Amino acid sequence: MNEKIMVVDDDQDIREVIQVLLSSEGYNVIEASNGKEALELVDDDTDLIILDVMMPEMNGLELTAKVKTDIEYSHIPVI
């Protein structure tokens, strides 16, 4: 499995739990601690973004809006 999932949350423990669970199922997991960092890491190989709403610097709603309005990344599902 080569699906790449980005996990975005300012709580390191939550990111770690999700990363362990997804990695054990064969997913490639990328982590970001806020929306700004996630925007720097997202690329056209990203298959899914799992994110928290309340984060510093750029919250989940702002990140979702930026991803969905960028023609290059608008196809990426966001949870």
C-alpha atoms as a PDB file:
ATOM      1  CA  MET A   1       0.000   0.000   0.000  1.00  0.00           C
ATOM      2  CA  ASN A   2       1.436   3.368  -0.992  1.00  0.00           C
ATOM      3  CA  GLU A   3      -1.379   5.689   0.079  1.00  0.00           C
ATOM      4  CA  LYS A   4      -0.060   8.795   1.779  1.00  0.00           C
ATOM      5  CA  ILE A   5      -2.091  10.231   4.643  1.00  0.00           C
ATOM      6  CA  MET A   6      -1.300  13.532   6.305  1.00  0.00           C
ATOM      7  CA  VAL A   7      -2.219  13.852   9.989  1.00  0.00           C
ATOM      8  CA  VAL A   8      -2.455  17.453  11.198  1.00  0.00           C
ATOM      9  CA  ASP A   9      -2.915  18.144  14.903  1.00  0.00           C
ATOM     10  CA  ASP A  10      -1.157  20.337  17.442  1.00  0.00           C
ATOM     11  CA  ASP A  11      -1.311  17.524  20.021  1.00  0.00           C
ATOM     12  CA  GLN A  12       1.738  15.313  19.494  1.00  0.00           C
ATOM     13  CA  ASP A  13       0.188  12.386  21.391  1.00  0.00           C
ATOM     14  CA  ILE A  14      -2.851  12.333  19.090  1.00  0.00           C
ATOM     15  CA  ARG A  15      -0.636  12.496  15.996  1.00  0.00           C
ATOM     16  CA  GLU A  16       1.477   9.638  17.334  1.00  0.00           C
ATOM     17  CA  VAL A  17      -1.511   7.376  18.052  1.00  0.00           C
ATOM     18  CA  ILE A  18      -3.005   7.977  14.604  1.00  0.00           C
ATOM     19  CA  GLN A  19       0.400   7.500  12.956  1.00  0.00           C
ATOM     20  CA  VAL A  20       0.978   4.171  14.723  1.00  0.00           C
ATOM     21  CA  LEU A  21      -2.487   2.883  13.798  1.00  0.00           C
ATOM     22  CA  LEU A  22      -2.294   3.933  10.152  1.00  0.00           C
ATOM     23  CA  SER A  23       1.315   2.805   9.685  1.00  0.00           C
ATOM     24  CA  SER A  24       0.439  -0.630  11.067  1.00  0.00           C
ATOM     25  CA  GLU A  25      -2.120  -0.884   8.244  1.00  0.00           C
ATOM     26  CA  GLY A  26       0.517  -0.049   5.643  1.00  0.00           C
ATOM     27  CA  TYR A  27      -0.155   3.646   5.069  1.00  0.00           C
ATOM     28  CA  ASN A  28       2.616   6.193   4.603  1.00  0.00           C
ATOM     29  CA  VAL A  29       1.896   8.839   7.250  1.00  0.00           C
ATOM     30  CA  ILE A  30       3.116  12.426   7.188  1.00  0.00           C
ATOM     31  CA  GLU A  31       2.632  14.554  10.311  1.00  0.00           C
ATOM     32  CA  ALA A  32       2.184  18.306  10.743  1.00  0.00           C
ATOM     33  CA  SER A  33       1.586  20.252  13.946  1.00  0.00           C
ATOM     34  CA  ASN A  34      -0.503  23.055  12.396  1.00  0.00           C
ATOM     35  CA  GLY A  35      -2.137  24.150   9.160  1.00  0.00           C
ATOM     36  CA  LYS A  36       0.788  26.295   8.059  1.00  0.00           C
ATOM     37  CA  GLU A  37       3.191  23.365   8.345  1.00  0.00           C
ATOM     38  CA  ALA A  38       0.700  21.115   6.550  1.00  0.00           C
ATOM     39  CA  LEU A  39       0.534  23.514   3.586  1.00  0.00           C
ATOM     40  CA  GLU A  40       4.313  23.298   3.286  1.00  0.00           C
ATOM     41  CA  LEU A  41       4.222  19.474   3.313  1.00  0.00           C
ATOM     42  CA  VAL A  42       1.175  18.709   1.154  1.00  0.00           C
ATOM     43  CA  ASP A  43       1.878  17.593  -2.386  1.00  0.00           C
ATOM     44  CA  ASP A  44       0.007  15.930  -5.222  1.00  0.00           C
ATOM     45  CA  ASP A  45       0.913  12.485  -3.816  1.00  0.00           C
ATOM     46  CA  THR A  46      -1.148  13.156  -0.665  1.00  0.00           C
ATOM     47  CA  ASP A  47      -4.217  10.890  -0.716  1.00  0.00           C
ATOM     48  CA  LEU A  48      -6.008  12.063   2.444  1.00  0.00           C
ATOM     49  CA  ILE A  49      -5.699  14.756   5.109  1.00  0.00           C
ATOM     50  CA  ILE A  50      -6.928  14.070   8.648  1.00  0.00           C
ATOM     51  CA  LEU A  51      -6.920  17.253  10.697  1.00  0.00           C
ATOM     52  CA  ASP A  52      -7.918  18.959  13.892  1.00  0.00           C
ATOM     53  CA  VAL A  53     -10.015  22.114  13.709  1.00  0.00           C
ATOM     54  CA  MET A  54      -8.491  24.072  16.592  1.00  0.00           C
ATOM     55  CA  MET A  55      -4.768  24.621  16.003  1.00  0.00           C
ATOM     56  CA  PRO A  56      -2.345  27.557  16.302  1.00  0.00           C
ATOM     57  CA  GLU A  57      -1.052  29.595  13.335  1.00  0.00           C
ATOM     58  CA  MET A  58      -3.656  28.226  10.885  1.00  0.00           C
ATOM     59  CA  ASN A  59      -6.698  26.289  12.046  1.00  0.00           C
ATOM     60  CA  GLY A  60      -8.249  23.307  10.296  1.00  0.00           C
ATOM     61  CA  LEU A  61     -11.004  25.322   8.616  1.00  0.00           C
ATOM     62  CA  GLU A  62      -8.480  27.746   7.123  1.00  0.00           C
ATOM     63  CA  LEU A  63      -6.325  24.850   5.931  1.00  0.00           C
ATOM     64  CA  THR A  64      -9.307  23.112   4.354  1.00  0.00           C
ATOM     65  CA  ALA A  65     -10.291  26.304   2.529  1.00  0.00           C
ATOM     66  CA  LYS A  66      -6.763  26.763   1.167  1.00  0.00           C
ATOM     67  CA  VAL A  67      -6.474  23.115   0.060  1.00  0.00           C
ATOM     68  CA  LYS A  68      -9.900  23.073  -1.598  1.00  0.00           C
ATOM     69  CA  THR A  69      -9.308  26.332  -3.504  1.00  0.00           C
ATOM     70  CA  ASP A  70      -5.888  25.243  -4.809  1.00  0.00           C
ATOM     71  CA  ILE A  71      -6.500  23.543  -8.158  1.00  0.00           C
ATOM     72  CA  GLU A  72      -3.466  21.291  -7.611  1.00  0.00           C
ATOM     73  CA  TYR A  73      -4.753  19.925  -4.289  1.00  0.00           C
ATOM     74  CA  SER A  74      -8.540  20.344  -4.496  1.00  0.00           C
ATOM     75  CA  HIS A  75      -8.996  16.608  -5.164  1.00  0.00           C
ATOM     76  CA  ILE A  76      -7.555  15.606  -1.757  1.00  0.00           C
ATOM     77  CA  PRO A  77     -10.259  14.490   0.689  1.00  0.00           C
ATOM     78  CA  VAL A  78     -10.149  16.158   4.106  1.00  0.00           C
ATOM     79  CA  ILE A  79     -11.503  14.675   7.330  1.00  0.00           C
END
